[in-house]
Amino acid sequence: MTTITEPKFAHASTPAKALALLMLGLLGMFLVGGVGFAGTPAIHDAAHDVRHTLSFPCH
């Protein structure tokens, strides 16, 4: 018999969930902004292609 269990974060407190969302938001901002405007052309071009794939406006 298989028992379905809830994820460990399902019972996390509200401040813990808020912190997790904040950290995810900061990571996303870094990936889109920091990597997208990187000086290295290969990194910038890869991020640029991903933005176009996700229909994210970039220019």
C-alpha atoms as a PDB file:
ATOM      1  CA  MET A   1       0.000   0.000   0.000  1.00  0.00           C
ATOM      2  CA  THR A   2       1.356   3.419  -0.973  1.00  0.00           C
ATOM      3  CA  THR A   3       0.985   6.376   1.342  1.00  0.00           C
ATOM      4  CA  ILE A   4       0.899   9.871  -0.142  1.00  0.00           C
ATOM      5  CA  THR A   5       2.693  12.384   2.029  1.00  0.00           C
ATOM      6  CA  GLU A   6       2.590  16.163   1.906  1.00  0.00           C
ATOM      7  CA  PRO A   7       5.741  18.112   1.050  1.00  0.00           C
ATOM      8  CA  LYS A   8       7.765  19.239   4.058  1.00  0.00           C
ATOM      9  CA  PHE A   9       7.130  22.896   3.274  1.00  0.00           C
ATOM     10  CA  ALA A  10       3.336  22.450   3.345  1.00  0.00           C
ATOM     11  CA  HIS A  11       3.274  23.165   7.080  1.00  0.00           C
ATOM     12  CA  ALA A  12       5.852  25.950   7.017  1.00  0.00           C
ATOM     13  CA  SER A  13       5.030  29.167   8.816  1.00  0.00           C
ATOM     14  CA  THR A  14       3.942  32.271   6.947  1.00  0.00           C
ATOM     15  CA  PRO A  15       7.258  34.121   7.509  1.00  0.00           C
ATOM     16  CA  ALA A  16       9.148  31.102   6.147  1.00  0.00           C
ATOM     17  CA  LYS A  17       6.967  31.054   3.033  1.00  0.00           C
ATOM     18  CA  ALA A  18       7.394  34.812   2.604  1.00  0.00           C
ATOM     19  CA  LEU A  19      11.176  34.457   2.885  1.00  0.00           C
ATOM     20  CA  ALA A  20      11.153  31.658   0.304  1.00  0.00           C
ATOM     21  CA  LEU A  21       9.125  33.811  -2.117  1.00  0.00           C
ATOM     22  CA  LEU A  22      11.463  36.744  -1.555  1.00  0.00           C
ATOM     23  CA  MET A  23      14.517  34.602  -2.263  1.00  0.00           C
ATOM     24  CA  LEU A  24      12.926  33.189  -5.420  1.00  0.00           C
ATOM     25  CA  GLY A  25      12.085  36.693  -6.570  1.00  0.00           C
ATOM     26  CA  LEU A  26      15.644  37.875  -6.007  1.00  0.00           C
ATOM     27  CA  LEU A  27      17.014  34.869  -7.873  1.00  0.00           C
ATOM     28  CA  GLY A  28      14.685  35.586 -10.781  1.00  0.00           C
ATOM     29  CA  MET A  29      15.689  39.241 -10.856  1.00  0.00           C
ATOM     30  CA  PHE A  30      19.350  38.226 -10.892  1.00  0.00           C
ATOM     31  CA  LEU A  31      18.843  35.743 -13.703  1.00  0.00           C
ATOM     32  CA  VAL A  32      16.874  38.111 -15.910  1.00  0.00           C
ATOM     33  CA  GLY A  33      18.706  41.330 -15.054  1.00  0.00           C
ATOM     34  CA  GLY A  34      22.172  40.332 -13.953  1.00  0.00           C
ATOM     35  CA  VAL A  35      22.826  37.661 -16.514  1.00  0.00           C
ATOM     36  CA  GLY A  36      20.879  39.422 -19.254  1.00  0.00           C
ATOM     37  CA  PHE A  37      23.070  42.503 -19.009  1.00  0.00           C
ATOM     38  CA  ALA A  38      26.317  40.583 -18.523  1.00  0.00           C
ATOM     39  CA  GLY A  39      29.364  41.840 -20.361  1.00  0.00           C
ATOM     40  CA  THR A  40      30.270  38.404 -21.716  1.00  0.00           C
ATOM     41  CA  PRO A  41      28.568  38.088 -25.112  1.00  0.00           C
ATOM     42  CA  ALA A  42      27.921  34.332 -24.802  1.00  0.00           C
ATOM     43  CA  ILE A  43      26.093  34.729 -21.480  1.00  0.00           C
ATOM     44  CA  HIS A  44      24.147  37.730 -22.718  1.00  0.00           C
ATOM     45  CA  ASP A  45      23.142  35.990 -25.953  1.00  0.00           C
ATOM     46  CA  ALA A  46      21.987  32.874 -24.085  1.00  0.00           C
ATOM     47  CA  ALA A  47      19.859  34.969 -21.732  1.00  0.00           C
ATOM     48  CA  HIS A  48      18.550  36.987 -24.674  1.00  0.00           C
ATOM     49  CA  ASP A  49      17.446  33.827 -26.489  1.00  0.00           C
ATOM     50  CA  VAL A  50      15.704  32.531 -23.369  1.00  0.00           C
ATOM     51  CA  ARG A  51      13.865  35.838 -22.941  1.00  0.00           C
ATOM     52  CA  HIS A  52      12.597  35.614 -26.505  1.00  0.00           C
ATOM     53  CA  THR A  53      11.571  31.973 -25.995  1.00  0.00           C
ATOM     54  CA  LEU A  54       9.538  32.952 -22.911  1.00  0.00           C
ATOM     55  CA  SER A  55       7.999  35.964 -24.726  1.00  0.00           C
ATOM     56  CA  PHE A  56       9.677  38.300 -22.227  1.00  0.00           C
ATOM     57  CA  PRO A  57      10.055  41.779 -23.730  1.00  0.00           C
ATOM     58  CA  CYS A  58      13.663  42.824 -23.885  1.00  0.00           C
ATOM     59  CA  HIS A  59      13.833  45.436 -26.657  1.00  0.00           C
END
